[in-house]
Amino acid sequence: MIALEKLPDAKTVISTIVMVGWAGITSVFLLYPNVKDSPTLSMIIGGWISITTQVIGFYFGSSKSSQDKDATISGMLTQPDSSSATKTPGIQKPP
């Protein structure tokens, strides 16, 4: 039986499918020059360009930076506050 911990997450699977699809459609355009005149395939290649751009933008763009920021903030929240030992008892910050 396959261990669930070893399976890739959904984002990785979808990204792999998108990139393999991009390579396949590009190969069709390069290997079969008469296909370039097909408006349907031109629309498909335009869609794949859009999807590929979004996948690359997610992994290397603002979404990835946002995930890194969230991880940093979570790490800061789980660490004990070292400044609490120096606080004077009975004095609190206003809300």
Protein backbone atom coordinates (compact mmCIF):
# COMPACT_ATOMS: atom_id res chain seq x y z
CA MET A 1 0.00 0.00 0.00
CA ILE A 2 1.21 3.53 -0.75
CA ALA A 3 1.97 5.72 2.24
CA LEU A 4 0.04 8.99 2.07
CA GLU A 5 3.05 10.93 3.34
CA LYS A 6 4.98 10.02 0.17
CA LEU A 7 2.33 11.27 -2.26
CA PRO A 8 2.92 14.70 -3.81
CA ASP A 9 0.49 17.47 -2.96
CA ALA A 10 -2.22 18.54 -5.39
CA LYS A 11 -0.41 21.72 -6.46
CA THR A 12 2.63 19.74 -7.56
CA VAL A 13 0.50 17.27 -9.54
CA ILE A 14 -1.48 20.02 -11.28
CA SER A 15 1.68 21.96 -12.06
CA THR A 16 3.31 18.86 -13.53
CA ILE A 17 0.27 18.20 -15.72
CA VAL A 18 0.29 21.82 -16.94
CA MET A 19 3.99 21.76 -17.81
CA VAL A 20 3.77 18.37 -19.55
CA GLY A 21 0.74 19.62 -21.49
CA TRP A 22 2.65 22.74 -22.48
CA ALA A 23 5.55 20.62 -23.74
CA GLY A 24 3.16 18.31 -25.64
CA ILE A 25 1.27 21.10 -27.39
CA THR A 26 4.48 22.92 -28.26
CA SER A 27 5.87 19.68 -29.70
CA VAL A 28 2.78 19.28 -31.90
CA PHE A 29 3.28 22.79 -33.28
CA LEU A 30 6.96 22.12 -33.96
CA LEU A 31 6.59 18.63 -35.44
CA TYR A 32 3.51 19.26 -37.60
CA PRO A 33 3.82 22.59 -39.39
CA ASN A 34 0.42 22.26 -41.13
CA VAL A 35 -1.30 22.38 -37.72
CA LYS A 36 -0.27 26.03 -37.23
CA ASP A 37 -3.19 27.17 -39.39
CA SER A 38 -5.79 25.56 -37.10
CA PRO A 39 -7.69 28.23 -35.09
CA THR A 40 -8.77 25.64 -32.53
CA LEU A 41 -5.23 24.65 -31.68
CA SER A 42 -4.23 28.29 -31.60
CA MET A 43 -6.87 28.87 -28.93
CA ILE A 44 -5.69 25.81 -27.01
CA ILE A 45 -2.08 27.00 -27.06
CA GLY A 46 -3.25 30.42 -25.85
CA GLY A 47 -5.05 28.79 -22.95
CA TRP A 48 -2.02 26.72 -22.04
CA ILE A 49 0.16 29.85 -22.13
CA SER A 50 -2.24 31.47 -19.67
CA ILE A 51 -2.31 28.45 -17.35
CA THR A 52 1.48 28.06 -17.49
CA THR A 53 1.94 31.71 -16.61
CA GLN A 54 -0.30 31.30 -13.58
CA VAL A 55 1.54 28.17 -12.40
CA ILE A 56 4.94 29.85 -12.71
CA GLY A 57 3.57 32.98 -11.03
CA PHE A 58 2.31 30.93 -8.11
CA TYR A 59 5.54 29.07 -7.47
CA PHE A 60 7.90 32.01 -8.00
CA GLY A 61 5.68 35.06 -7.58
CA SER A 62 3.66 36.77 -4.90
CA SER A 63 1.79 33.66 -3.76
CA LYS A 64 5.05 31.91 -2.88
CA SER A 65 6.28 35.03 -1.08
CA SER A 66 3.00 35.20 0.80
CA GLN A 67 3.35 31.57 1.91
CA ASP A 68 6.91 32.24 3.07
CA LYS A 69 5.69 35.29 5.01
CA ASP A 70 2.92 33.27 6.63
CA ALA A 71 5.40 30.59 7.67
CA THR A 72 7.70 33.24 9.16
CA ILE A 73 4.85 34.81 11.13
CA SER A 74 3.71 31.39 12.37
CA GLY A 75 7.25 30.65 13.49
CA MET A 76 7.42 33.94 15.36
CA LEU A 77 4.12 33.26 17.11
CA THR A 78 5.21 29.85 18.35
CA GLN A 79 8.48 31.12 19.83
CA PRO A 80 8.35 32.24 23.48
CA ASP A 81 8.46 35.98 24.01
CA SER A 82 11.91 36.73 25.43
CA SER A 83 10.97 40.27 26.39
CA SER A 84 8.29 39.11 28.87
CA ALA A 85 10.91 38.47 31.58
CA THR A 86 11.93 42.13 31.59
CA LYS A 87 8.41 43.52 31.89
CA THR A 88 7.37 45.10 35.16
CA PRO A 89 4.46 43.23 36.77
CA GLY A 90 1.26 45.23 36.96
CA ILE A 91 2.07 47.53 34.02
CA GLN A 92 0.27 46.60 30.85
CA LYS A 93 0.10 48.06 27.39
CA PRO A 94 -3.16 49.77 26.56
CA PRO A 95 -5.33 47.85 24.08
